PDB file of all heavy atoms in Angstrom:
ATOM      1  N   LEU A   1     -16.404  22.115  10.234  1.00  0.00           N
ATOM      2  CA  LEU A   1     -16.377  20.666  10.460  1.00  0.00           C
ATOM      3  C   LEU A   1     -17.431  19.975   9.607  1.00  0.00           C
ATOM      4  O   LEU A   1     -17.170  18.947   8.973  1.00  0.00           O
ATOM      5  CB  LEU A   1     -16.596  20.336  11.935  1.00  0.00           C
ATOM      6  CG  LEU A   1     -15.476  20.691  12.893  1.00  0.00           C
ATOM      7  CD1 LEU A   1     -15.950  20.523  14.339  1.00  0.00           C
ATOM      8  CD2 LEU A   1     -14.236  19.853  12.628  1.00  0.00           C
ATOM      9  N   HIS A   2     -18.619  20.532   9.600  1.00  0.00           N
ATOM     10  CA  HIS A   2     -19.725  19.950   8.830  1.00  0.00           C
ATOM     11  C   HIS A   2     -19.415  19.981   7.333  1.00  0.00           C
ATOM     12  O   HIS A   2     -19.617  18.987   6.622  1.00  0.00           O
ATOM     13  CB  HIS A   2     -21.028  20.697   9.127  1.00  0.00           C
ATOM     14  CG  HIS A   2     -22.201  20.138   8.422  1.00  0.00           C
ATOM     15  ND1 HIS A   2     -22.756  18.910   8.716  1.00  0.00           N
ATOM     16  CD2 HIS A   2     -22.923  20.633   7.387  1.00  0.00           C
ATOM     17  CE1 HIS A   2     -23.769  18.682   7.914  1.00  0.00           C
ATOM     18  NE2 HIS A   2     -23.905  19.701   7.102  1.00  0.00           N
ATOM     19  N   ALA A   3     -18.916  21.105   6.861  1.00  0.00           N
ATOM     20  CA  ALA A   3     -18.583  21.253   5.433  1.00  0.00           C
ATOM     21  C   ALA A   3     -17.476  20.259   5.038  1.00  0.00           C
ATOM     22  O   ALA A   3     -17.550  19.628   3.967  1.00  0.00           O
ATOM     23  CB  ALA A   3     -18.169  22.676   5.122  1.00  0.00           C
ATOM     24  N   LEU A   4     -16.456  20.143   5.873  1.00  0.00           N
ATOM     25  CA  LEU A   4     -15.375  19.208   5.575  1.00  0.00           C
ATOM     26  C   LEU A   4     -15.898  17.766   5.538  1.00  0.00           C
ATOM     27  O   LEU A   4     -15.493  16.976   4.683  1.00  0.00           O
ATOM     28  CB  LEU A   4     -14.262  19.321   6.611  1.00  0.00           C
ATOM     29  CG  LEU A   4     -13.350  20.526   6.469  1.00  0.00           C
ATOM     30  CD1 LEU A   4     -12.493  20.702   7.718  1.00  0.00           C
ATOM     31  CD2 LEU A   4     -12.463  20.379   5.244  1.00  0.00           C
ATOM     32  N   LYS A   5     -16.775  17.437   6.457  1.00  0.00           N
ATOM     33  CA  LYS A   5     -17.296  16.075   6.491  1.00  0.00           C
ATOM     34  C   LYS A   5     -18.082  15.753   5.213  1.00  0.00           C
ATOM     35  O   LYS A   5     -18.061  14.633   4.731  1.00  0.00           O
ATOM     36  CB  LYS A   5     -18.160  15.864   7.730  1.00  0.00           C
ATOM     37  CG  LYS A   5     -18.466  14.423   7.985  1.00  0.00           C
ATOM     38  CD  LYS A   5     -18.845  14.146   9.414  1.00  0.00           C
ATOM     39  CE  LYS A   5     -18.898  12.660   9.612  1.00  0.00           C
ATOM     40  NZ  LYS A   5     -19.142  12.263  10.958  1.00  0.00           N
ATOM     41  N   LEU A   6     -18.735  16.759   4.687  1.00  0.00           N
ATOM     42  CA  LEU A   6     -19.510  16.546   3.456  1.00  0.00           C
ATOM     43  C   LEU A   6     -18.650  16.522   2.202  1.00  0.00           C
ATOM     44  O   LEU A   6     -18.994  15.836   1.233  1.00  0.00           O
ATOM     45  CB  LEU A   6     -20.571  17.650   3.318  1.00  0.00           C
ATOM     46  CG  LEU A   6     -21.701  17.632   4.335  1.00  0.00           C
ATOM     47  CD1 LEU A   6     -22.614  18.840   4.110  1.00  0.00           C
ATOM     48  CD2 LEU A   6     -22.495  16.343   4.294  1.00  0.00           C
ATOM     49  N   SER A   7     -17.547  17.255   2.221  1.00  0.00           N
ATOM     50  CA  SER A   7     -16.808  17.453   0.973  1.00  0.00           C
ATOM     51  C   SER A   7     -15.421  16.794   0.902  1.00  0.00           C
ATOM     52  O   SER A   7     -14.854  16.743  -0.184  1.00  0.00           O
ATOM     53  CB  SER A   7     -16.637  18.953   0.725  1.00  0.00           C
ATOM     54  OG  SER A   7     -15.804  19.524   1.721  1.00  0.00           O
ATOM     55  N   ASP A   8     -14.888  16.317   2.007  1.00  0.00           N
ATOM     56  CA  ASP A   8     -13.517  15.852   2.015  1.00  0.00           C
ATOM     57  C   ASP A   8     -13.426  14.434   2.556  1.00  0.00           C
ATOM     58  O   ASP A   8     -13.632  14.185   3.748  1.00  0.00           O
ATOM     59  CB  ASP A   8     -12.668  16.790   2.874  1.00  0.00           C
ATOM     60  CG  ASP A   8     -11.188  16.558   2.769  1.00  0.00           C
ATOM     61  OD1 ASP A   8     -10.770  15.401   2.867  1.00  0.00           O
ATOM     62  OD2 ASP A   8     -10.440  17.551   2.624  1.00  0.00           O
ATOM     63  N   ALA A   9     -13.102  13.494   1.683  1.00  0.00           N
ATOM     64  CA  ALA A   9     -13.025  12.088   2.059  1.00  0.00           C
ATOM     65  C   ALA A   9     -11.951  11.818   3.121  1.00  0.00           C
ATOM     66  O   ALA A   9     -12.150  11.015   4.016  1.00  0.00           O
ATOM     67  CB  ALA A   9     -12.777  11.211   0.843  1.00  0.00           C
ATOM     68  N   HIS A  10     -10.826  12.532   3.013  1.00  0.00           N
ATOM     69  CA  HIS A  10      -9.763  12.367   4.011  1.00  0.00           C
ATOM     70  C   HIS A  10     -10.233  12.826   5.383  1.00  0.00           C
ATOM     71  O   HIS A  10      -9.991  12.178   6.399  1.00  0.00           O
ATOM     72  CB  HIS A  10      -8.517  13.129   3.583  1.00  0.00           C
ATOM     73  CG  HIS A  10      -7.400  13.039   4.575  1.00  0.00           C
ATOM     74  ND1 HIS A  10      -6.759  11.844   4.892  1.00  0.00           N
ATOM     75  CD2 HIS A  10      -6.813  13.967   5.351  1.00  0.00           C
ATOM     76  CE1 HIS A  10      -5.851  12.064   5.802  1.00  0.00           C
ATOM     77  NE2 HIS A  10      -5.853  13.358   6.110  1.00  0.00           N
ATOM     78  N   PHE A  11     -10.961  13.950   5.425  1.00  0.00           N
ATOM     79  CA  PHE A  11     -11.492  14.426   6.690  1.00  0.00           C
ATOM     80  C   PHE A  11     -12.489  13.434   7.272  1.00  0.00           C
ATOM     81  O   PHE A  11     -12.478  13.182   8.478  1.00  0.00           O
ATOM     82  CB  PHE A  11     -12.158  15.801   6.544  1.00  0.00           C
ATOM     83  CG  PHE A  11     -12.704  16.300   7.844  1.00  0.00           C
ATOM     84  CD1 PHE A  11     -11.881  16.926   8.761  1.00  0.00           C
ATOM     85  CD2 PHE A  11     -14.046  16.105   8.169  1.00  0.00           C
ATOM     86  CE1 PHE A  11     -12.385  17.374   9.979  1.00  0.00           C
ATOM     87  CE2 PHE A  11     -14.540  16.536   9.381  1.00  0.00           C
ATOM     88  CZ  PHE A  11     -13.713  17.179  10.275  1.00  0.00           C
ATOM     89  N   ARG A  12     -13.340  12.851   6.432  1.00  0.00           N
ATOM     90  CA  ARG A  12     -14.303  11.860   6.910  1.00  0.00           C
ATOM     91  C   ARG A  12     -13.575  10.683   7.545  1.00  0.00           C
ATOM     92  O   ARG A  12     -13.984  10.162   8.583  1.00  0.00           O
ATOM     93  CB  ARG A  12     -15.208  11.382   5.783  1.00  0.00           C
ATOM     94  CG  ARG A  12     -16.361  12.309   5.484  1.00  0.00           C
ATOM     95  CD  ARG A  12     -17.399  11.693   4.568  1.00  0.00           C
ATOM     96  NE  ARG A  12     -16.860  11.251   3.301  1.00  0.00           N
ATOM     97  CZ  ARG A  12     -16.709  12.050   2.233  1.00  0.00           C
ATOM     98  NH1 ARG A  12     -17.025  13.318   2.307  1.00  0.00           N
ATOM     99  NH2 ARG A  12     -16.231  11.573   1.112  1.00  0.00           N
ATOM    100  N   LYS A  13     -12.469  10.259   6.908  1.00  0.00           N
ATOM    101  CA  LYS A  13     -11.695   9.144   7.442  1.00  0.00           C
ATOM    102  C   LYS A  13     -11.104   9.530   8.813  1.00  0.00           C
ATOM    103  O   LYS A  13     -11.142   8.737   9.751  1.00  0.00           O
ATOM    104  CB  LYS A  13     -10.583   8.770   6.459  1.00  0.00           C
ATOM    105  CG  LYS A  13      -9.786   7.572   6.861  1.00  0.00           C
ATOM    106  CD  LYS A  13      -8.750   7.211   5.814  1.00  0.00           C
ATOM    107  CE  LYS A  13      -7.925   6.028   6.257  1.00  0.00           C
ATOM    108  NZ  LYS A  13      -6.900   5.670   5.303  1.00  0.00           N
ATOM    109  N   LEU A  14     -10.566  10.734   8.913  1.00  0.00           N
ATOM    110  CA  LEU A  14     -10.032  11.209  10.193  1.00  0.00           C
ATOM    111  C   LEU A  14     -11.132  11.301  11.243  1.00  0.00           C
ATOM    112  O   LEU A  14     -10.923  10.884  12.402  1.00  0.00           O
ATOM    113  CB  LEU A  14      -9.381  12.590  10.030  1.00  0.00           C
ATOM    114  CG  LEU A  14      -8.042  12.629   9.320  1.00  0.00           C
ATOM    115  CD1 LEU A  14      -7.631  14.089   9.101  1.00  0.00           C
ATOM    116  CD2 LEU A  14      -6.977  11.884  10.103  1.00  0.00           C
ATOM    117  N   SER A  15     -12.266  11.826  10.865  1.00  0.00           N
ATOM    118  CA  SER A  15     -13.393  11.966  11.787  1.00  0.00           C
ATOM    119  C   SER A  15     -13.831  10.595  12.284  1.00  0.00           C
ATOM    120  O   SER A  15     -14.054  10.411  13.499  1.00  0.00           O
ATOM    121  CB  SER A  15     -14.547  12.684  11.096  1.00  0.00           C
ATOM    122  OG  SER A  15     -15.655  12.781  11.943  1.00  0.00           O
ATOM    123  N   ASP A  16     -13.972   9.646  11.386  1.00  0.00           N
ATOM    124  CA  ASP A  16     -14.368   8.295  11.764  1.00  0.00           C
ATOM    125  C   ASP A  16     -13.327   7.654  12.705  1.00  0.00           C
ATOM    126  O   ASP A  16     -13.685   7.033  13.697  1.00  0.00           O
ATOM    127  CB  ASP A  16     -14.576   7.410  10.545  1.00  0.00           C
ATOM    128  CG  ASP A  16     -15.781   7.807   9.720  1.00  0.00           C
ATOM    129  OD1 ASP A  16     -16.641   8.590  10.218  1.00  0.00           O
ATOM    130  OD2 ASP A  16     -15.869   7.346   8.562  1.00  0.00           O
ATOM    131  N   ALA A  17     -12.058   7.866  12.392  1.00  0.00           N
ATOM    132  CA  ALA A  17     -10.995   7.314  13.230  1.00  0.00           C
ATOM    133  C   ALA A  17     -11.038   7.954  14.626  1.00  0.00           C
ATOM    134  O   ALA A  17     -10.894   7.253  15.638  1.00  0.00           O
ATOM    135  CB  ALA A  17      -9.630   7.557  12.586  1.00  0.00           C
ATOM    136  N   TYR A  18     -11.274   9.252  14.687  1.00  0.00           N
ATOM    137  CA  TYR A  18     -11.361   9.960  15.956  1.00  0.00           C
ATOM    138  C   TYR A  18     -12.497   9.360  16.809  1.00  0.00           C
ATOM    139  O   TYR A  18     -12.295   9.075  17.992  1.00  0.00           O
ATOM    140  CB  TYR A  18     -11.591  11.456  15.740  1.00  0.00           C
ATOM    141  CG  TYR A  18     -11.699  12.200  17.051  1.00  0.00           C
ATOM    142  CD1 TYR A  18     -10.578  12.616  17.737  1.00  0.00           C
ATOM    143  CD2 TYR A  18     -12.943  12.455  17.620  1.00  0.00           C
ATOM    144  CE1 TYR A  18     -10.679  13.281  18.949  1.00  0.00           C
ATOM    145  CE2 TYR A  18     -13.064  13.102  18.830  1.00  0.00           C
ATOM    146  CZ  TYR A  18     -11.931  13.519  19.493  1.00  0.00           C
ATOM    147  OH  TYR A  18     -12.050  14.156  20.694  1.00  0.00           O
ATOM    148  N   TYR A  19     -13.663   9.193  16.205  1.00  0.00           N
ATOM    149  CA  TYR A  19     -14.802   8.691  16.989  1.00  0.00           C
ATOM    150  C   TYR A  19     -14.573   7.248  17.424  1.00  0.00           C
ATOM    151  O   TYR A  19     -14.963   6.882  18.536  1.00  0.00           O
ATOM    152  CB  TYR A  19     -16.107   8.835  16.193  1.00  0.00           C
ATOM    153  CG  TYR A  19     -16.563  10.283  16.151  1.00  0.00           C
ATOM    154  CD1 TYR A  19     -16.583  10.994  14.973  1.00  0.00           C
ATOM    155  CD2 TYR A  19     -16.964  10.941  17.311  1.00  0.00           C
ATOM    156  CE1 TYR A  19     -16.966  12.318  14.943  1.00  0.00           C
ATOM    157  CE2 TYR A  19     -17.350  12.258  17.288  1.00  0.00           C
ATOM    158  CZ  TYR A  19     -17.354  12.951  16.110  1.00  0.00           C
ATOM    159  OH  TYR A  19     -17.749  14.260  16.089  1.00  0.00           O
ATOM    160  N   GLU A  20     -13.956   6.437  16.594  1.00  0.00           N
ATOM    161  CA  GLU A  20     -13.670   5.044  16.975  1.00  0.00           C
ATOM    162  C   GLU A  20     -12.662   5.010  18.130  1.00  0.00           C
ATOM    163  O   GLU A  20     -12.825   4.234  19.078  1.00  0.00           O
ATOM    164  CB  GLU A  20     -13.168   4.244  15.784  1.00  0.00           C
ATOM    165  CG  GLU A  20     -14.245   3.929  14.764  1.00  0.00           C
ATOM    166  CD  GLU A  20     -15.419   3.153  15.361  1.00  0.00           C
ATOM    167  OE1 GLU A  20     -15.195   2.197  16.117  1.00  0.00           O
ATOM    168  OE2 GLU A  20     -16.565   3.532  15.075  1.00  0.00           O
ATOM    169  N   LEU A  21     -11.615   5.814  18.039  1.00  0.00           N
ATOM    170  CA  LEU A  21     -10.634   5.874  19.117  1.00  0.00           C
ATOM    171  C   LEU A  21     -11.286   6.410  20.393  1.00  0.00           C
ATOM    172  O   LEU A  21     -11.057   5.867  21.491  1.00  0.00           O
ATOM    173  CB  LEU A  21      -9.445   6.759  18.731  1.00  0.00           C
ATOM    174  CG  LEU A  21      -8.513   6.155  17.695  1.00  0.00           C
ATOM    175  CD1 LEU A  21      -7.629   7.244  17.068  1.00  0.00           C
ATOM    176  CD2 LEU A  21      -7.666   5.065  18.324  1.00  0.00           C
ATOM    177  N   ASP A  22     -12.084   7.447  20.267  1.00  0.00           N
ATOM    178  CA  ASP A  22     -12.741   8.016  21.435  1.00  0.00           C
ATOM    179  C   ASP A  22     -13.674   7.003  22.096  1.00  0.00           C
ATOM    180  O   ASP A  22     -13.723   6.913  23.324  1.00  0.00           O
ATOM    181  CB  ASP A  22     -13.490   9.285  21.050  1.00  0.00           C
ATOM    182  CG  ASP A  22     -13.953  10.058  22.265  1.00  0.00           C
ATOM    183  OD1 ASP A  22     -13.071  10.451  23.071  1.00  0.00           O
ATOM    184  OD2 ASP A  22     -15.164  10.253  22.428  1.00  0.00           O
ATOM    185  N   LYS A  23     -14.382   6.261  21.274  1.00  0.00           N
ATOM    186  CA  LYS A  23     -15.286   5.237  21.817  1.00  0.00           C
ATOM    187  C   LYS A  23     -14.480   4.158  22.570  1.00  0.00           C
ATOM    188  O   LYS A  23     -14.875   3.746  23.664  1.00  0.00           O
ATOM    189  CB  LYS A  23     -16.097   4.615  20.695  1.00  0.00           C
ATOM    190  CG  LYS A  23     -17.125   3.599  21.163  1.00  0.00           C
ATOM    191  CD  LYS A  23     -18.091   3.182  20.073  1.00  0.00           C
ATOM    192  CE  LYS A  23     -17.386   2.499  18.925  1.00  0.00           C
ATOM    193  NZ  LYS A  23     -18.338   1.935  17.939  1.00  0.00           N
ATOM    194  N   ALA A  24     -13.371   3.725  21.999  1.00  0.00           N
ATOM    195  CA  ALA A  24     -12.537   2.709  22.661  1.00  0.00           C
ATOM    196  C   ALA A  24     -11.974   3.248  23.979  1.00  0.00           C
ATOM    197  O   ALA A  24     -11.935   2.523  24.988  1.00  0.00           O
ATOM    198  CB  ALA A  24     -11.407   2.290  21.729  1.00  0.00           C
ATOM    199  N   ILE A  25     -11.552   4.496  23.985  1.00  0.00           N
ATOM    200  CA  ILE A  25     -11.010   5.111  25.202  1.00  0.00           C
ATOM    201  C   ILE A  25     -12.123   5.206  26.252  1.00  0.00           C
ATOM    202  O   ILE A  25     -11.921   4.877  27.428  1.00  0.00           O
ATOM    203  CB  ILE A  25     -10.405   6.494  24.903  1.00  0.00           C
ATOM    204  CG1 ILE A  25      -9.140   6.316  24.067  1.00  0.00           C
ATOM    205  CG2 ILE A  25     -10.138   7.282  26.179  1.00  0.00           C
ATOM    206  CD1 ILE A  25      -8.631   7.591  23.425  1.00  0.00           C
ATOM    207  N   HIS A  26     -13.258   5.662  25.866  1.00  0.00           N
ATOM    208  CA  HIS A  26     -14.404   5.798  26.775  1.00  0.00           C
ATOM    209  C   HIS A  26     -14.763   4.435  27.394  1.00  0.00           C
ATOM    210  O   HIS A  26     -14.977   4.327  28.600  1.00  0.00           O
ATOM    211  CB  HIS A  26     -15.605   6.405  26.062  1.00  0.00           C
ATOM    212  CG  HIS A  26     -16.820   6.549  26.913  1.00  0.00           C
ATOM    213  ND1 HIS A  26     -16.908   7.477  27.928  1.00  0.00           N
ATOM    214  CD2 HIS A  26     -17.977   5.878  26.915  1.00  0.00           C
ATOM    215  CE1 HIS A  26     -18.085   7.361  28.509  1.00  0.00           C
ATOM    216  NE2 HIS A  26     -18.757   6.408  27.916  1.00  0.00           N
ATOM    217  N   ARG A  27     -14.808   3.393  26.553  1.00  0.00           N
ATOM    218  CA  ARG A  27     -15.141   2.060  27.042  1.00  0.00           C
ATOM    219  C   ARG A  27     -14.082   1.555  28.028  1.00  0.00           C
ATOM    220  O   ARG A  27     -14.389   0.919  29.021  1.00  0.00           O
ATOM    221  CB  ARG A  27     -15.316   1.082  25.882  1.00  0.00           C
ATOM    222  CG  ARG A  27     -16.540   1.391  25.022  1.00  0.00           C
ATOM    223  CD  ARG A  27     -16.665   0.498  23.820  1.00  0.00           C
ATOM    224  NE  ARG A  27     -16.825  -0.891  24.191  1.00  0.00           N
ATOM    225  CZ  ARG A  27     -17.976  -1.489  24.561  1.00  0.00           C
ATOM    226  NH1 ARG A  27     -19.056  -0.756  24.607  1.00  0.00           N
ATOM    227  NH2 ARG A  27     -18.022  -2.755  24.847  1.00  0.00           N
TER     228      ARG A  27
END
């Protein structure tokens, strides 16, 4: 996960989307 976040822009976009969705769900 860490390596993908550092090296793959698409993964970073997915990761950011996941955290935003998770934050909205939690709220």
